[in-house]
Amino acid sequence: SEKPRLTEQEKKNNHIASEQKRRQAIRDGFDRLASIVPGMEGQGRSEAVVLEATIKFMRSKISERKALVEAAKEAGIDTTTWEL
């Protein structure tokens, strides 16, 4: 009932396969991120460029949200439940 041990080559092949799978998952994640960040369409898939564009986009969205909350407060709307 004991499983046969893997050979060194099988271990190496398993390691290579899992590393390739990990790298592909990272590439897929960056591709998904690039597909939803405005301005990334048609750009080369540089992870640094995708991350920088994402940071810029998120900062702009945070600023927009702050401005909307401030405008709502000035209009007399209770925004206490909006705070994160």
PDB file of N, CA and C in Angstrom:
ATOM      1  N   SER A   1       0.821  -1.197   0.000  1.00  0.00           N
ATOM      2  CA  SER A   1       0.000   0.000   0.000  1.00  0.00           C
ATOM      3  C   SER A   1       0.867   1.265   0.000  1.00  0.00           C
ATOM      4  N   GLU A   2       2.165   1.093  -0.006  1.00  0.00           N
ATOM      5  CA  GLU A   2       3.063   2.245  -0.016  1.00  0.00           C
ATOM      6  C   GLU A   2       3.249   2.740  -1.443  1.00  0.00           C
ATOM      7  N   LYS A   3       3.144   4.068  -1.615  1.00  0.00           N
ATOM      8  CA  LYS A   3       3.316   4.657  -2.942  1.00  0.00           C
ATOM      9  C   LYS A   3       4.797   4.627  -3.321  1.00  0.00           C
ATOM     10  N   PRO A   4       5.092   4.388  -4.585  1.00  0.00           N
ATOM     11  CA  PRO A   4       6.490   4.415  -5.003  1.00  0.00           C
ATOM     12  C   PRO A   4       7.028   5.844  -4.934  1.00  0.00           C
ATOM     13  N   ARG A   5       8.272   5.970  -4.528  1.00  0.00           N
ATOM     14  CA  ARG A   5       8.902   7.291  -4.429  1.00  0.00           C
ATOM     15  C   ARG A   5       9.132   7.865  -5.818  1.00  0.00           C
ATOM     16  N   LEU A   6       9.073   9.186  -5.891  1.00  0.00           N
ATOM     17  CA  LEU A   6       9.349   9.859  -7.160  1.00  0.00           C
ATOM     18  C   LEU A   6      10.853   9.863  -7.419  1.00  0.00           C
ATOM     19  N   THR A   7      11.187   9.754  -8.674  1.00  0.00           N
ATOM     20  CA  THR A   7      12.602   9.871  -9.030  1.00  0.00           C
ATOM     21  C   THR A   7      12.991  11.349  -8.969  1.00  0.00           C
ATOM     22  N   GLU A   8      14.268  11.607  -8.990  1.00  0.00           N
ATOM     23  CA  GLU A   8      14.737  12.995  -8.977  1.00  0.00           C
ATOM     24  C   GLU A   8      14.215  13.746 -10.200  1.00  0.00           C
ATOM     25  N   GLN A   9      14.184  13.069 -11.347  1.00  0.00           N
ATOM     26  CA  GLN A   9      13.682  13.720 -12.569  1.00  0.00           C
ATOM     27  C   GLN A   9      12.193  14.041 -12.437  1.00  0.00           C
ATOM     28  N   GLU A  10      11.421  13.131 -11.849  1.00  0.00           N
ATOM     29  CA  GLU A  10       9.990  13.389 -11.647  1.00  0.00           C
ATOM     30  C   GLU A  10       9.789  14.573 -10.698  1.00  0.00           C
ATOM     31  N   LYS A  11      10.587  14.636  -9.641  1.00  0.00           N
ATOM     32  CA  LYS A  11      10.505  15.765  -8.714  1.00  0.00           C
ATOM     33  C   LYS A  11      10.813  17.076  -9.438  1.00  0.00           C
ATOM     34  N   LYS A  12      11.860  17.042 -10.261  1.00  0.00           N
ATOM     35  CA  LYS A  12      12.268  18.232 -11.011  1.00  0.00           C
ATOM     36  C   LYS A  12      11.161  18.650 -11.976  1.00  0.00           C
ATOM     37  N   ASN A  13      10.585  17.670 -12.682  1.00  0.00           N
ATOM     38  CA  ASN A  13       9.502  17.966 -13.621  1.00  0.00           C
ATOM     39  C   ASN A  13       8.288  18.548 -12.898  1.00  0.00           C
ATOM     40  N   ASN A  14       7.952  18.003 -11.729  1.00  0.00           N
ATOM     41  CA  ASN A  14       6.831  18.526 -10.944  1.00  0.00           C
ATOM     42  C   ASN A  14       7.093  19.961 -10.509  1.00  0.00           C
ATOM     43  N   HIS A  15       8.313  20.218 -10.090  1.00  0.00           N
ATOM     44  CA  HIS A  15       8.680  21.566  -9.663  1.00  0.00           C
ATOM     45  C   HIS A  15       8.576  22.551 -10.828  1.00  0.00           C
ATOM     46  N   ILE A  16       9.083  22.155 -11.977  1.00  0.00           N
ATOM     47  CA  ILE A  16       9.020  23.009 -13.166  1.00  0.00           C
ATOM     48  C   ILE A  16       7.569  23.287 -13.544  1.00  0.00           C
ATOM     49  N   ALA A  17       6.750  22.255 -13.524  1.00  0.00           N
ATOM     50  CA  ALA A  17       5.336  22.411 -13.883  1.00  0.00           C
ATOM     51  C   ALA A  17       4.617  23.344 -12.913  1.00  0.00           C
ATOM     52  N   SER A  18       4.872  23.197 -11.610  1.00  0.00           N
ATOM     53  CA  SER A  18       4.194  24.065 -10.658  1.00  0.00           C
ATOM     54  C   SER A  18       4.693  25.500 -10.754  1.00  0.00           C
ATOM     55  N   GLU A  19       5.952  25.689 -11.065  1.00  0.00           N
ATOM     56  CA  GLU A  19       6.480  27.050 -11.248  1.00  0.00           C
ATOM     57  C   GLU A  19       5.878  27.693 -12.489  1.00  0.00           C
ATOM     58  N   GLN A  20       5.731  26.920 -13.565  1.00  0.00           N
ATOM     59  CA  GLN A  20       5.102  27.445 -14.774  1.00  0.00           C
ATOM     60  C   GLN A  20       3.640  27.815 -14.507  1.00  0.00           C
ATOM     61  N   LYS A  21       2.958  26.998 -13.731  1.00  0.00           N
ATOM     62  CA  LYS A  21       1.561  27.264 -13.380  1.00  0.00           C
ATOM     63  C   LYS A  21       1.459  28.544 -12.538  1.00  0.00           C
ATOM     64  N   ARG A  22       2.370  28.729 -11.595  1.00  0.00           N
ATOM     65  CA  ARG A  22       2.383  29.926 -10.757  1.00  0.00           C
ATOM     66  C   ARG A  22       2.620  31.175 -11.598  1.00  0.00           C
ATOM     67  N   ARG A  23       3.592  31.100 -12.495  1.00  0.00           N
ATOM     68  CA  ARG A  23       3.887  32.250 -13.356  1.00  0.00           C
ATOM     69  C   ARG A  23       2.717  32.580 -14.275  1.00  0.00           C
ATOM     70  N   GLN A  24       2.058  31.555 -14.787  1.00  0.00           N
ATOM     71  CA  GLN A  24       0.902  31.780 -15.660  1.00  0.00           C
ATOM     72  C   GLN A  24      -0.234  32.433 -14.880  1.00  0.00           C
ATOM     73  N   ALA A  25      -0.441  32.024 -13.639  1.00  0.00           N
ATOM     74  CA  ALA A  25      -1.476  32.632 -12.804  1.00  0.00           C
ATOM     75  C   ALA A  25      -1.179  34.114 -12.585  1.00  0.00           C
ATOM     76  N   ILE A  26       0.080  34.455 -12.377  1.00  0.00           N
ATOM     77  CA  ILE A  26       0.471  35.861 -12.208  1.00  0.00           C
ATOM     78  C   ILE A  26       0.216  36.627 -13.507  1.00  0.00           C
ATOM     79  N   ARG A  27       0.626  36.061 -14.644  1.00  0.00           N
ATOM     80  CA  ARG A  27       0.395  36.718 -15.937  1.00  0.00           C
ATOM     81  C   ARG A  27      -1.089  36.939 -16.172  1.00  0.00           C
ATOM     82  N   ASP A  28      -1.896  35.917 -15.881  1.00  0.00           N
ATOM     83  CA  ASP A  28      -3.345  36.031 -16.063  1.00  0.00           C
ATOM     84  C   ASP A  28      -3.920  37.137 -15.177  1.00  0.00           C
ATOM     85  N   GLY A  29      -3.434  37.218 -13.944  1.00  0.00           N
ATOM     86  CA  GLY A  29      -3.898  38.268 -13.032  1.00  0.00           C
ATOM     87  C   GLY A  29      -3.559  39.656 -13.551  1.00  0.00           C
ATOM     88  N   PHE A  30      -2.348  39.842 -14.051  1.00  0.00           N
ATOM     89  CA  PHE A  30      -1.972  41.135 -14.603  1.00  0.00           C
ATOM     90  C   PHE A  30      -2.782  41.449 -15.854  1.00  0.00           C
ATOM     91  N   ASP A  31      -3.058  40.439 -16.670  1.00  0.00           N
ATOM     92  CA  ASP A  31      -3.881  40.653 -17.861  1.00  0.00           C
ATOM     93  C   ASP A  31      -5.296  41.094 -17.468  1.00  0.00           C
ATOM     94  N   ARG A  32      -5.873  40.454 -16.442  1.00  0.00           N
ATOM     95  CA  ARG A  32      -7.212  40.840 -15.975  1.00  0.00           C
ATOM     96  C   ARG A  32      -7.196  42.263 -15.435  1.00  0.00           C
ATOM     97  N   LEU A  33      -6.166  42.590 -14.663  1.00  0.00           N
ATOM     98  CA  LEU A  33      -6.043  43.934 -14.118  1.00  0.00           C
ATOM     99  C   LEU A  33      -5.919  44.957 -15.243  1.00  0.00           C
ATOM    100  N   ALA A  34      -5.066  44.675 -16.221  1.00  0.00           N
ATOM    101  CA  ALA A  34      -4.877  45.596 -17.350  1.00  0.00           C
ATOM    102  C   ALA A  34      -6.165  45.769 -18.141  1.00  0.00           C
ATOM    103  N   SER A  35      -7.017  44.754 -18.166  1.00  0.00           N
ATOM    104  CA  SER A  35      -8.258  44.846 -18.939  1.00  0.00           C
ATOM    105  C   SER A  35      -9.296  45.744 -18.273  1.00  0.00           C
ATOM    106  N   ILE A  36      -9.160  46.015 -16.984  1.00  0.00           N
ATOM    107  CA  ILE A  36     -10.160  46.862 -16.311  1.00  0.00           C
ATOM    108  C   ILE A  36      -9.637  48.253 -15.957  1.00  0.00           C
ATOM    109  N   VAL A  37      -8.343  48.487 -16.091  1.00  0.00           N
ATOM    110  CA  VAL A  37      -7.779  49.806 -15.794  1.00  0.00           C
ATOM    111  C   VAL A  37      -7.805  50.635 -17.080  1.00  0.00           C
ATOM    112  N   PRO A  38      -8.501  51.779 -17.047  1.00  0.00           N
ATOM    113  CA  PRO A  38      -8.576  52.609 -18.253  1.00  0.00           C
ATOM    114  C   PRO A  38      -7.182  53.021 -18.728  1.00  0.00           C
ATOM    115  N   GLY A  39      -7.027  53.055 -20.046  1.00  0.00           N
ATOM    116  CA  GLY A  39      -5.761  53.476 -20.636  1.00  0.00           C
ATOM    117  C   GLY A  39      -4.769  52.350 -20.842  1.00  0.00           C
ATOM    118  N   MET A  40      -5.092  51.159 -20.383  1.00  0.00           N
ATOM    119  CA  MET A  40      -4.162  50.038 -20.524  1.00  0.00           C
ATOM    120  C   MET A  40      -4.433  49.224 -21.798  1.00  0.00           C
ATOM    121  N   GLU A  41      -5.517  49.536 -22.495  1.00  0.00           N
ATOM    122  CA  GLU A  41      -5.833  48.798 -23.718  1.00  0.00           C
ATOM    123  C   GLU A  41      -4.725  49.001 -24.732  1.00  0.00           C
ATOM    124  N   GLY A  42      -4.238  47.922 -25.284  1.00  0.00           N
ATOM    125  CA  GLY A  42      -3.227  47.998 -26.323  1.00  0.00           C
ATOM    126  C   GLY A  42      -1.818  48.262 -25.820  1.00  0.00           C
ATOM    127  N   GLN A  43      -1.651  48.366 -24.532  1.00  0.00           N
ATOM    128  CA  GLN A  43      -0.317  48.571 -23.967  1.00  0.00           C
ATOM    129  C   GLN A  43       0.402  47.228 -23.909  1.00  0.00           C
ATOM    130  N   GLY A  44       1.697  47.276 -23.930  1.00  0.00           N
ATOM    131  CA  GLY A  44       2.459  46.056 -23.712  1.00  0.00           C
ATOM    132  C   GLY A  44       2.203  45.576 -22.289  1.00  0.00           C
ATOM    133  N   ARG A  45       2.346  44.301 -22.050  1.00  0.00           N
ATOM    134  CA  ARG A  45       2.029  43.769 -20.733  1.00  0.00           C
ATOM    135  C   ARG A  45       3.261  43.802 -19.830  1.00  0.00           C
ATOM    136  N   SER A  46       3.613  45.004 -19.421  1.00  0.00           N
ATOM    137  CA  SER A  46       4.695  45.158 -18.459  1.00  0.00           C
ATOM    138  C   SER A  46       4.047  45.234 -17.081  1.00  0.00           C
ATOM    139  N   GLU A  47       4.471  44.363 -16.183  1.00  0.00           N
ATOM    140  CA  GLU A  47       3.857  44.338 -14.853  1.00  0.00           C
ATOM    141  C   GLU A  47       4.059  45.662 -14.135  1.00  0.00           C
ATOM    142  N   ALA A  48       5.200  46.286 -14.301  1.00  0.00           N
ATOM    143  CA  ALA A  48       5.454  47.572 -13.653  1.00  0.00           C
ATOM    144  C   ALA A  48       4.501  48.644 -14.188  1.00  0.00           C
ATOM    145  N   VAL A  49       4.265  48.650 -15.499  1.00  0.00           N
ATOM    146  CA  VAL A  49       3.355  49.624 -16.108  1.00  0.00           C
ATOM    147  C   VAL A  49       1.929  49.381 -15.623  1.00  0.00           C
ATOM    148  N   VAL A  50       1.519  48.120 -15.567  1.00  0.00           N
ATOM    149  CA  VAL A  50       0.170  47.786 -15.102  1.00  0.00           C
ATOM    150  C   VAL A  50      -0.014  48.229 -13.653  1.00  0.00           C
ATOM    151  N   LEU A  51       0.959  47.953 -12.806  1.00  0.00           N
ATOM    152  CA  LEU A  51       0.847  48.346 -11.402  1.00  0.00           C
ATOM    153  C   LEU A  51       0.805  49.865 -11.253  1.00  0.00           C
ATOM    154  N   GLU A  52       1.657  50.569 -11.972  1.00  0.00           N
ATOM    155  CA  GLU A  52       1.681  52.036 -11.880  1.00  0.00           C
ATOM    156  C   GLU A  52       0.357  52.631 -12.346  1.00  0.00           C
ATOM    157  N   ALA A  53      -0.178  52.133 -13.461  1.00  0.00           N
ATOM    158  CA  ALA A  53      -1.461  52.626 -13.968  1.00  0.00           C
ATOM    159  C   ALA A  53      -2.592  52.313 -12.986  1.00  0.00           C
ATOM    160  N   THR A  54      -2.524  51.146 -12.358  1.00  0.00           N
ATOM    161  CA  THR A  54      -3.555  50.764 -11.387  1.00  0.00           C
ATOM    162  C   THR A  54      -3.513  51.683 -10.173  1.00  0.00           C
ATOM    163  N   ILE A  55      -2.325  51.987  -9.689  1.00  0.00           N
ATOM    164  CA  ILE A  55      -2.180  52.893  -8.549  1.00  0.00           C
ATOM    165  C   ILE A  55      -2.749  54.269  -8.900  1.00  0.00           C
ATOM    166  N   LYS A  56      -2.391  54.764 -10.071  1.00  0.00           N
ATOM    167  CA  LYS A  56      -2.883  56.073 -10.521  1.00  0.00           C
ATOM    168  C   LYS A  56      -4.410  56.067 -10.610  1.00  0.00           C
ATOM    169  N   PHE A  57      -4.970  55.009 -11.185  1.00  0.00           N
ATOM    170  CA  PHE A  57      -6.418  54.890 -11.338  1.00  0.00           C
ATOM    171  C   PHE A  57      -7.113  54.827  -9.975  1.00  0.00           C
ATOM    172  N   MET A  58      -6.580  54.012  -9.068  1.00  0.00           N
ATOM    173  CA  MET A  58      -7.196  53.883  -7.743  1.00  0.00           C
ATOM    174  C   MET A  58      -7.124  55.202  -6.972  1.00  0.00           C
ATOM    175  N   ARG A  59      -6.007  55.908  -7.071  1.00  0.00           N
ATOM    176  CA  ARG A  59      -5.901  57.214  -6.391  1.00  0.00           C
ATOM    177  C   ARG A  59      -6.931  58.193  -6.935  1.00  0.00           C
ATOM    178  N   SER A  60      -7.154  58.173  -8.247  1.00  0.00           N
ATOM    179  CA  SER A  60      -8.157  59.082  -8.818  1.00  0.00           C
ATOM    180  C   SER A  60      -9.557  58.710  -8.337  1.00  0.00           C
ATOM    181  N   LYS A  61      -9.840  57.419  -8.239  1.00  0.00           N
ATOM    182  CA  LYS A  61     -11.156  56.975  -7.759  1.00  0.00           C
ATOM    183  C   LYS A  61     -11.355  57.345  -6.287  1.00  0.00           C
ATOM    184  N   ILE A  62     -10.314  57.230  -5.493  1.00  0.00           N
ATOM    185  CA  ILE A  62     -10.396  57.603  -4.078  1.00  0.00           C
ATOM    186  C   ILE A  62     -10.664  59.104  -3.954  1.00  0.00           C
ATOM    187  N   SER A  63      -9.985  59.912  -4.766  1.00  0.00           N
ATOM    188  CA  SER A  63     -10.206  61.359  -4.751  1.00  0.00           C
ATOM    189  C   SER A  63     -11.625  61.701  -5.172  1.00  0.00           C
ATOM    190  N   GLU A  64     -12.116  61.036  -6.211  1.00  0.00           N
ATOM    191  CA  GLU A  64     -13.494  61.260  -6.664  1.00  0.00           C
ATOM    192  C   GLU A  64     -14.487  60.932  -5.553  1.00  0.00           C
ATOM    193  N   ARG A  65     -14.253  59.821  -4.879  1.00  0.00           N
ATOM    194  CA  ARG A  65     -15.154  59.411  -3.807  1.00  0.00           C
ATOM    195  C   ARG A  65     -15.145  60.432  -2.672  1.00  0.00           C
ATOM    196  N   LYS A  66     -13.961  60.887  -2.302  1.00  0.00           N
ATOM    197  CA  LYS A  66     -13.858  61.895  -1.238  1.00  0.00           C
ATOM    198  C   LYS A  66     -14.619  63.158  -1.625  1.00  0.00           C
ATOM    199  N   ALA A  67     -14.484  63.585  -2.879  1.00  0.00           N
ATOM    200  CA  ALA A  67     -15.187  64.778  -3.350  1.00  0.00           C
ATOM    201  C   ALA A  67     -16.698  64.574  -3.309  1.00  0.00           C
ATOM    202  N   LEU A  68     -17.158  63.399  -3.698  1.00  0.00           N
ATOM    203  CA  LEU A  68     -18.593  63.112  -3.662  1.00  0.00           C
ATOM    204  C   LEU A  68     -19.125  63.095  -2.234  1.00  0.00           C
ATOM    205  N   VAL A  69     -18.386  62.497  -1.335  1.00  0.00           N
ATOM    206  CA  VAL A  69     -18.804  62.461   0.071  1.00  0.00           C
ATOM    207  C   VAL A  69     -18.847  63.885   0.629  1.00  0.00           C
ATOM    208  N   GLU A  70     -17.851  64.682   0.302  1.00  0.00           N
ATOM    209  CA  GLU A  70     -17.810  66.070   0.780  1.00  0.00           C
ATOM    210  C   GLU A  70     -18.979  66.869   0.230  1.00  0.00           C
ATOM    211  N   ALA A  71     -19.292  66.688  -1.056  1.00  0.00           N
ATOM    212  CA  ALA A  71     -20.428  67.384  -1.663  1.00  0.00           C
ATOM    213  C   ALA A  71     -21.737  66.957  -1.009  1.00  0.00           C
ATOM    214  N   ALA A  72     -21.847  65.681  -0.709  1.00  0.00           N
ATOM    215  CA  ALA A  72     -23.062  65.184  -0.049  1.00  0.00           C
ATOM    216  C   ALA A  72     -23.189  65.785   1.345  1.00  0.00           C
ATOM    217  N   LYS A  73     -22.087  65.881   2.077  1.00  0.00           N
ATOM    218  CA  LYS A  73     -22.112  66.484   3.414  1.00  0.00           C
ATOM    219  C   LYS A  73     -22.552  67.939   3.334  1.00  0.00           C
ATOM    220  N   GLU A  74     -22.008  68.654   2.351  1.00  0.00           N
ATOM    221  CA  GLU A  74     -22.367  70.059   2.172  1.00  0.00           C
ATOM    222  C   GLU A  74     -23.831  70.221   1.805  1.00  0.00           C
ATOM    223  N   ALA A  75     -24.405  69.215   1.157  1.00  0.00           N
ATOM    224  CA  ALA A  75     -25.823  69.250   0.791  1.00  0.00           C
ATOM    225  C   ALA A  75     -26.709  68.791   1.939  1.00  0.00           C
ATOM    226  N   GLY A  76     -26.089  68.470   3.086  1.00  0.00           N
ATOM    227  CA  GLY A  76     -26.871  68.080   4.256  1.00  0.00           C
ATOM    228  C   GLY A  76     -27.225  66.606   4.315  1.00  0.00           C
ATOM    229  N   ILE A  77     -26.571  65.812   3.518  1.00  0.00           N
ATOM    230  CA  ILE A  77     -26.845  64.368   3.507  1.00  0.00           C
ATOM    231  C   ILE A  77     -25.996  63.700   4.579  1.00  0.00           C
ATOM    232  N   ASP A  78     -26.614  62.824   5.332  1.00  0.00           N
ATOM    233  CA  ASP A  78     -25.888  62.086   6.371  1.00  0.00           C
ATOM    234  C   ASP A  78     -25.021  61.019   5.691  1.00  0.00           C
ATOM    235  N   THR A  79     -23.725  61.167   5.822  1.00  0.00           N
ATOM    236  CA  THR A  79     -22.792  60.247   5.164  1.00  0.00           C
ATOM    237  C   THR A  79     -22.070  59.336   6.158  1.00  0.00           C
ATOM    238  N   THR A  80     -22.540  59.285   7.394  1.00  0.00           N
ATOM    239  CA  THR A  80     -21.824  58.510   8.415  1.00  0.00           C
ATOM    240  C   THR A  80     -21.744  57.028   8.065  1.00  0.00           C
ATOM    241  N   THR A  81     -22.744  56.513   7.371  1.00  0.00           N
ATOM    242  CA  THR A  81     -22.694  55.092   7.005  1.00  0.00           C
ATOM    243  C   THR A  81     -21.847  54.846   5.764  1.00  0.00           C
ATOM    244  N   TRP A  82     -21.386  55.901   5.119  1.00  0.00           N
ATOM    245  CA  TRP A  82     -20.567  55.770   3.913  1.00  0.00           C
ATOM    246  C   TRP A  82     -19.106  55.609   4.234  1.00  0.00           C
ATOM    247  N   GLU A  83     -18.740  56.011   5.422  1.00  0.00           N
ATOM    248  CA  GLU A  83     -17.315  55.982   5.788  1.00  0.00           C
ATOM    249  C   GLU A  83     -16.825  54.559   5.870  1.00  0.00           C
ATOM    250  N   LEU A  84     -15.609  54.341   5.441  1.00  0.00           N
ATOM    251  CA  LEU A  84     -15.014  52.991   5.479  1.00  0.00           C
ATOM    252  C   LEU A  84     -14.312  52.763   6.782  1.00  0.00           C
TER     253      LEU A  84
END
